[in-house]
Amino acid sequence: MSSREKRLERLVYLLTILVFFLAGMLYIEKYQPGFWVLEQQQEDFVEDAQERLDSISQQLQVRMVQIKRLGGRVNELEKARLQIEGDQKELAEHPDMGQAAFQKKLAYYLRLLGLKDQEIKKLRRENVVLIARNDSLSREAKLLQDGLSNVQKALRDSSETFGIEKKELSERSRVLEVRNQELTEKVTVAAALRAEGVNVYAISSRGKETGVQKAKRIDKIRVIFHLQNNPLATREIKTIYLRIIEPTGNTLSDYSLGSGTVMFKGKELVYTAKQRIFYENNHQSVEFIYARSTAYREGKHEIELYSEGFLIGLGTFEVR
């Protein structure tokens, strides 16, 4: 076969393919006129869905920054953000995802944003109260420190004043020493740590975390709280003691797991667990993870937190 015949044969082949293609187009145009419209609608849906997921992801990021600054937890927001990334990947790989399924996902994210907006408002209110309390504490501490300085100056002046008999000087010194001791104790109390927002979560053997009341089985519990800022408290290593008190009034304790005793107002208290932390004075969060081999009793359990001889926080959780 000559080269001219081969070219002619190739041309006939291409023309045949073109004829079949045009015939297919005419068939679709005549018998399935909505084919191209549906395809365009699906492409528009995918593009719109990706843009809306991008927007929600950015809004979640903004809420995460706000809640972190206010001292709240962002675990749920971080989980939702990762879930959105998975949804976007699924849309890219399977653009035929149903609009009903997408609208269900979208409704969940929008509802989550609304809940987090409410949480931000609550945290802002709590921070306003906290700032006002710290300002009051600072003013009280300044007055106490000024009073302490005046007492010490009076003691020095008394010892240097002429004409005061020895007995009178001794009595005045004792009175001033008592006032000195009282003021010192007040400063110590004002400088004590204070825990707020005590929450308790159940952890299953698979590591899944839920509310205690919803848990079918509790293998571990996580107790988490925040330490308030306190301008009088020293930034240093501090020991915090946790007591979990059963509905029967007994304190959960297992000396093999770190339980022990601590003195409080002259009495020996059994504690469940203890933890040494470095107090940063920046509204830091602290958490205890406590595991026990036996099941928790049904009913209301009390949480007590102690540090440096003071009861610094309370909480409760109920096992059903």
Protein backbone atom coordinates (compact mmCIF):
# COMPACT_ATOMS: atom_id res chain seq x y z
CA MET A 1 0.00 0.00 0.00
CA SER A 2 1.37 3.37 -1.04
CA SER A 3 1.80 6.30 1.36
CA ARG A 4 -1.01 8.16 -0.42
CA GLU A 5 -3.43 5.29 0.18
CA LYS A 6 -2.41 5.17 3.86
CA ARG A 7 -3.12 8.89 4.29
CA LEU A 8 -6.47 8.48 2.59
CA GLU A 9 -7.37 5.56 4.86
CA ARG A 10 -6.40 7.60 7.98
CA LEU A 11 -8.53 10.52 6.80
CA VAL A 12 -11.54 8.25 6.29
CA TYR A 13 -11.04 6.85 9.82
CA LEU A 14 -10.96 10.32 11.38
CA LEU A 15 -14.02 11.44 9.44
CA THR A 16 -15.90 8.34 10.65
CA ILE A 17 -15.07 9.17 14.28
CA LEU A 18 -16.18 12.79 13.77
CA VAL A 19 -19.49 11.63 12.26
CA PHE A 20 -20.20 9.34 15.24
CA PHE A 21 -19.29 12.16 17.66
CA LEU A 22 -21.62 14.62 15.94
CA ALA A 23 -24.37 12.02 15.86
CA GLY A 24 -23.94 11.46 19.61
CA MET A 25 -24.13 15.20 20.24
CA LEU A 26 -27.32 15.44 18.16
CA TYR A 27 -28.82 12.48 20.05
CA ILE A 28 -28.11 14.05 23.43
CA GLU A 29 -29.43 17.42 22.25
CA LYS A 30 -32.66 15.84 21.00
CA TYR A 31 -33.44 13.14 23.58
CA GLN A 32 -31.60 14.46 26.71
CA PRO A 33 -31.76 18.23 26.39
CA GLY A 34 -31.02 18.77 30.14
CA PHE A 35 -27.77 16.78 30.12
CA TRP A 36 -25.46 19.78 29.75
CA VAL A 37 -27.53 21.89 32.14
CA LEU A 38 -27.30 19.24 34.89
CA GLU A 39 -23.56 18.94 34.45
CA GLN A 40 -23.14 22.73 34.68
CA GLN A 41 -25.37 22.83 37.76
CA GLN A 42 -23.24 20.17 39.46
CA GLU A 43 -20.06 22.12 38.70
CA ASP A 44 -21.65 25.30 40.10
CA PHE A 45 -22.72 23.39 43.24
CA VAL A 46 -19.21 22.06 43.85
CA GLU A 47 -17.63 25.49 43.36
CA ASP A 48 -20.16 27.14 45.70
CA ALA A 49 -19.73 24.38 48.31
CA GLN A 50 -15.95 24.78 48.34
CA GLU A 51 -16.27 28.55 48.79
CA ARG A 52 -18.75 28.19 51.67
CA LEU A 53 -16.54 25.62 53.41
CA ASP A 54 -13.55 27.98 53.03
CA SER A 55 -15.58 30.79 54.60
CA ILE A 56 -16.73 28.66 57.54
CA SER A 57 -13.18 27.37 58.09
CA GLN A 58 -11.93 30.97 58.34
CA GLN A 59 -14.71 31.84 60.80
CA LEU A 60 -13.82 28.81 62.92
CA GLN A 61 -10.19 29.99 62.99
CA VAL A 62 -11.30 33.44 64.21
CA ARG A 63 -13.38 31.86 67.03
CA MET A 64 -10.41 29.68 68.02
CA VAL A 65 -8.17 32.74 68.44
CA GLN A 66 -10.84 34.59 70.46
CA ILE A 67 -11.58 31.65 72.77
CA LYS A 68 -7.87 30.94 73.36
CA ARG A 69 -7.32 34.56 74.38
CA LEU A 70 -10.22 34.30 76.83
CA GLY A 71 -8.85 31.07 78.35
CA GLY A 72 -11.40 28.64 76.86
CA ARG A 73 -10.99 25.26 75.15
CA VAL A 74 -10.87 24.93 71.33
CA ASN A 75 -10.83 21.12 70.93
CA GLU A 76 -14.28 21.02 69.30
CA LEU A 77 -13.41 23.85 66.88
CA GLU A 78 -10.13 22.21 65.89
CA LYS A 79 -11.96 18.94 65.23
CA ALA A 80 -14.54 20.76 63.06
CA ARG A 81 -11.80 22.55 61.11
CA LEU A 82 -10.11 19.23 60.29
CA GLN A 83 -13.51 17.78 59.34
CA ILE A 84 -14.03 20.65 56.87
CA GLU A 85 -10.68 19.85 55.24
CA GLY A 86 -11.91 16.27 54.83
CA ASP A 87 -15.20 17.49 53.31
CA GLN A 88 -13.32 19.66 50.81
CA LYS A 89 -11.14 16.74 49.80
CA GLU A 90 -14.22 14.54 49.38
CA LEU A 91 -15.86 17.19 47.18
CA ALA A 92 -12.76 17.39 44.99
CA GLU A 93 -12.55 13.60 44.60
CA HIS A 94 -16.33 12.96 44.38
CA PRO A 95 -18.00 16.05 42.86
CA ASP A 96 -21.26 14.10 42.60
CA MET A 97 -21.84 14.43 46.37
CA GLY A 98 -25.55 14.98 47.02
CA GLN A 99 -26.68 18.49 47.93
CA ALA A 100 -28.80 17.14 50.80
CA ALA A 101 -25.75 15.57 52.47
CA PHE A 102 -23.80 18.79 52.06
CA GLN A 103 -26.60 20.94 53.48
CA LYS A 104 -26.67 18.68 56.56
CA LYS A 105 -22.93 19.19 57.11
CA LEU A 106 -23.31 22.94 56.55
CA ALA A 107 -26.12 23.18 59.11
CA TYR A 108 -23.88 21.48 61.73
CA TYR A 109 -21.01 23.93 61.16
CA LEU A 110 -23.32 26.97 61.30
CA ARG A 111 -24.91 25.69 64.51
CA LEU A 112 -21.43 25.17 66.00
CA LEU A 113 -20.47 28.77 65.11
CA GLY A 114 -23.59 30.02 66.88
CA LEU A 115 -22.79 28.00 70.02
CA LYS A 116 -19.20 29.27 70.07
CA ASP A 117 -20.42 32.87 69.73
CA GLN A 118 -22.50 32.34 72.88
CA GLU A 119 -19.48 30.79 74.63
CA ILE A 120 -17.32 33.81 73.69
CA LYS A 121 -19.90 36.19 75.19
CA LYS A 122 -19.94 34.12 78.39
CA LEU A 123 -16.14 34.05 78.63
CA ARG A 124 -16.00 37.82 78.10
CA ARG A 125 -18.47 38.36 80.95
CA GLU A 126 -16.43 36.07 83.21
CA ASN A 127 -13.22 37.92 82.32
CA VAL A 128 -14.81 41.29 83.14
CA VAL A 129 -15.76 39.94 86.59
CA LEU A 130 -12.27 38.49 87.01
CA ILE A 131 -10.55 41.77 86.10
CA ALA A 132 -12.77 43.70 88.52
CA ARG A 133 -12.01 41.16 91.26
CA ASN A 134 -8.27 41.39 90.61
CA ASP A 135 -8.43 45.20 90.70
CA SER A 136 -10.22 45.03 94.05
CA LEU A 137 -7.64 42.54 95.31
CA SER A 138 -4.78 44.79 94.21
CA ARG A 139 -6.28 47.78 96.02
CA GLU A 140 -6.85 45.72 99.15
CA ALA A 141 -3.32 44.35 99.00
CA LYS A 142 -1.86 47.86 98.66
CA LEU A 143 -3.80 49.01 101.69
CA LEU A 144 -2.61 45.98 103.65
CA GLN A 145 1.00 46.51 102.61
CA ASP A 146 0.80 50.22 103.47
CA GLY A 147 -0.65 49.32 106.85
CA LEU A 148 2.11 46.79 107.40
CA SER A 149 4.73 49.42 106.56
CA ASN A 150 3.12 51.88 108.97
CA VAL A 151 3.14 49.28 111.74
CA GLN A 152 6.81 48.53 111.16
CA LYS A 153 7.65 52.26 111.12
CA ALA A 154 5.68 52.77 114.31
CA LEU A 155 7.68 49.99 115.95
CA ARG A 156 10.94 51.65 114.96
CA ASP A 157 9.75 55.09 116.05
CA SER A 158 8.55 53.74 119.39
CA SER A 159 11.93 52.26 120.18
CA GLU A 160 13.60 55.60 119.46
CA THR A 161 11.14 57.86 121.31
CA PHE A 162 12.40 59.25 124.60
CA GLY A 163 10.24 59.55 127.70
CA ILE A 164 8.28 56.33 127.13
CA GLU A 165 8.61 54.04 130.07
CA LYS A 166 9.83 50.51 129.53
CA LYS A 167 6.53 48.83 130.51
CA GLU A 168 4.45 51.07 128.20
CA LEU A 169 6.87 50.48 125.33
CA SER A 170 6.64 46.72 125.85
CA GLU A 171 2.83 46.77 125.83
CA ARG A 172 2.68 48.93 122.70
CA SER A 173 5.18 46.63 121.02
CA ARG A 174 3.02 43.58 121.75
CA VAL A 175 -0.08 45.32 120.35
CA LEU A 176 1.79 46.36 117.22
CA GLU A 177 3.22 42.87 116.77
CA VAL A 178 -0.30 41.42 116.90
CA ARG A 179 -1.48 43.92 114.27
CA ASN A 180 1.60 43.10 112.23
CA GLN A 181 0.77 39.40 112.38
CA GLU A 182 -2.88 40.02 111.43
CA LEU A 183 -1.90 42.12 108.42
CA THR A 184 0.65 39.52 107.32
CA GLU A 185 -2.04 36.82 107.46
CA LYS A 186 -4.41 38.98 105.41
CA VAL A 187 -1.74 39.49 102.74
CA THR A 188 -1.13 35.73 102.71
CA VAL A 189 -4.84 35.01 102.21
CA ALA A 190 -5.08 37.61 99.43
CA ALA A 191 -2.11 35.97 97.68
CA ALA A 192 -3.72 32.49 97.70
CA LEU A 193 -4.46 30.74 94.40
CA ARG A 194 -8.05 30.55 93.20
CA ALA A 195 -9.38 27.90 90.81
CA GLU A 196 -12.38 28.52 88.56
CA GLY A 197 -14.33 26.69 85.86
CA VAL A 198 -13.83 23.20 87.37
CA ASN A 199 -15.03 20.64 84.77
CA VAL A 200 -14.93 16.84 84.80
CA TYR A 201 -14.90 14.55 81.73
CA ALA A 202 -15.03 10.76 81.40
CA ILE A 203 -12.40 8.93 79.32
CA SER A 204 -13.10 5.43 77.95
CA SER A 205 -10.53 2.65 77.49
CA ARG A 206 -10.30 3.71 73.81
CA GLY A 207 -9.42 7.26 74.80
CA LYS A 208 -12.80 8.74 73.85
CA GLU A 209 -13.79 11.71 76.03
CA THR A 210 -17.42 12.54 76.94
CA GLY A 211 -19.40 14.17 79.71
CA VAL A 212 -19.50 12.03 82.85
CA GLN A 213 -23.31 11.82 82.86
CA LYS A 214 -23.37 10.49 79.28
CA ALA A 215 -20.59 7.91 79.78
CA LYS A 216 -21.61 4.25 79.77
CA ARG A 217 -18.30 3.24 81.31
CA ILE A 218 -15.72 5.39 83.09
CA ASP A 219 -12.12 4.11 83.01
CA LYS A 220 -10.52 7.49 83.73
CA ILE A 221 -11.67 10.99 84.54
CA ARG A 222 -10.11 14.28 83.54
CA VAL A 223 -10.49 17.21 85.93
CA ILE A 224 -9.62 20.56 84.32
CA PHE A 225 -9.75 24.11 85.71
CA HIS A 226 -8.13 27.55 85.38
CA LEU A 227 -6.07 29.44 87.95
CA GLN A 228 -7.06 33.09 88.24
CA ASN A 229 -4.50 35.84 87.77
CA ASN A 230 -3.41 37.26 91.13
CA PRO A 231 -0.96 40.19 91.33
CA LEU A 232 -0.01 39.15 94.88
CA ALA A 233 0.78 35.51 94.05
CA THR A 234 4.40 34.55 93.38
CA ARG A 235 5.40 32.94 90.08
CA GLU A 236 6.95 29.70 91.34
CA ILE A 237 6.47 25.95 91.66
CA LYS A 238 3.30 25.15 93.61
CA THR A 239 1.65 21.88 94.66
CA ILE A 240 -2.07 21.37 94.04
CA TYR A 241 -3.99 18.62 95.85
CA LEU A 242 -7.15 17.00 94.41
CA ARG A 243 -9.83 15.37 96.57
CA ILE A 244 -12.65 13.34 94.98
CA ILE A 245 -15.34 12.66 97.58
CA GLU A 246 -17.85 9.86 96.92
CA PRO A 247 -21.61 10.11 97.63
CA THR A 248 -20.90 8.15 100.84
CA GLY A 249 -18.58 10.91 102.08
CA ASN A 250 -15.39 8.86 101.67
CA THR A 251 -12.42 10.28 99.78
CA LEU A 252 -11.25 8.26 96.77
CA SER A 253 -7.68 7.22 97.52
CA ASP A 254 -5.13 4.66 96.42
CA TYR A 255 -1.69 5.13 97.92
CA SER A 256 -0.17 3.02 95.14
CA LEU A 257 -1.46 5.62 92.64
CA GLY A 258 -0.09 8.63 94.53
CA SER A 259 -2.75 9.37 97.15
CA GLY A 260 -1.64 10.64 100.55
CA THR A 261 -2.42 13.14 103.32
CA VAL A 262 -2.04 16.91 103.67
CA MET A 263 -2.52 19.27 106.62
CA PHE A 264 -5.41 21.77 106.43
CA LYS A 265 -6.35 24.03 109.35
CA GLY A 266 -4.57 21.75 111.77
CA LYS A 267 -6.23 18.56 110.51
CA GLU A 268 -4.92 15.77 108.31
CA LEU A 269 -6.88 15.35 105.07
CA VAL A 270 -6.65 12.40 102.69
CA TYR A 271 -6.19 13.52 99.09
CA THR A 272 -6.81 11.58 95.88
CA ALA A 273 -3.92 12.95 93.79
CA LYS A 274 -1.46 15.82 93.74
CA GLN A 275 0.44 17.69 91.06
CA ARG A 276 3.37 20.12 91.07
CA ILE A 277 3.05 22.99 88.59
CA PHE A 278 4.87 26.21 87.82
CA TYR A 279 2.39 29.01 88.50
CA GLU A 280 2.64 31.45 85.57
CA ASN A 281 0.00 33.95 86.79
CA ASN A 282 -1.55 34.04 83.29
CA HIS A 283 -4.95 32.33 83.82
CA GLN A 284 -3.31 29.01 82.99
CA SER A 285 -5.26 25.75 82.79
CA VAL A 286 -4.40 22.73 84.96
CA GLU A 287 -5.69 19.20 84.57
CA PHE A 288 -5.61 15.93 86.49
CA ILE A 289 -6.05 12.52 84.84
CA TYR A 290 -7.21 9.97 87.42
CA ALA A 291 -7.72 6.24 86.76
CA ARG A 292 -9.08 3.65 89.18
CA SER A 293 -9.54 -0.10 88.86
CA THR A 294 -13.06 -0.26 90.36
CA ALA A 295 -16.25 1.35 89.12
CA TYR A 296 -17.44 4.71 90.44
CA ARG A 297 -20.45 4.72 92.75
CA GLU A 298 -23.67 6.15 91.38
CA GLY A 299 -24.54 9.62 92.63
CA LYS A 300 -23.05 13.04 93.15
CA HIS A 301 -19.27 13.29 93.67
CA GLU A 302 -17.57 16.38 95.13
CA ILE A 303 -14.31 17.89 93.86
CA GLU A 304 -12.06 19.86 96.25
CA LEU A 305 -8.79 21.56 95.30
CA TYR A 306 -6.16 22.69 97.83
CA SER A 307 -2.85 24.55 97.64
CA GLU A 308 -0.54 26.20 100.20
CA GLY A 309 -2.95 25.51 103.06
CA PHE A 310 -6.01 26.97 101.32
CA LEU A 311 -9.14 25.51 99.70
CA ILE A 312 -8.82 27.08 96.23
CA GLY A 313 -11.69 25.54 94.24
CA LEU A 314 -14.79 23.31 94.24
CA GLY A 315 -16.66 21.25 91.66
CA THR A 316 -19.07 18.36 91.27
CA PHE A 317 -19.91 15.55 88.87
CA GLU A 318 -22.62 12.91 88.89
CA VAL A 319 -22.34 9.26 87.89
CA ARG A 320 -25.50 7.56 86.68
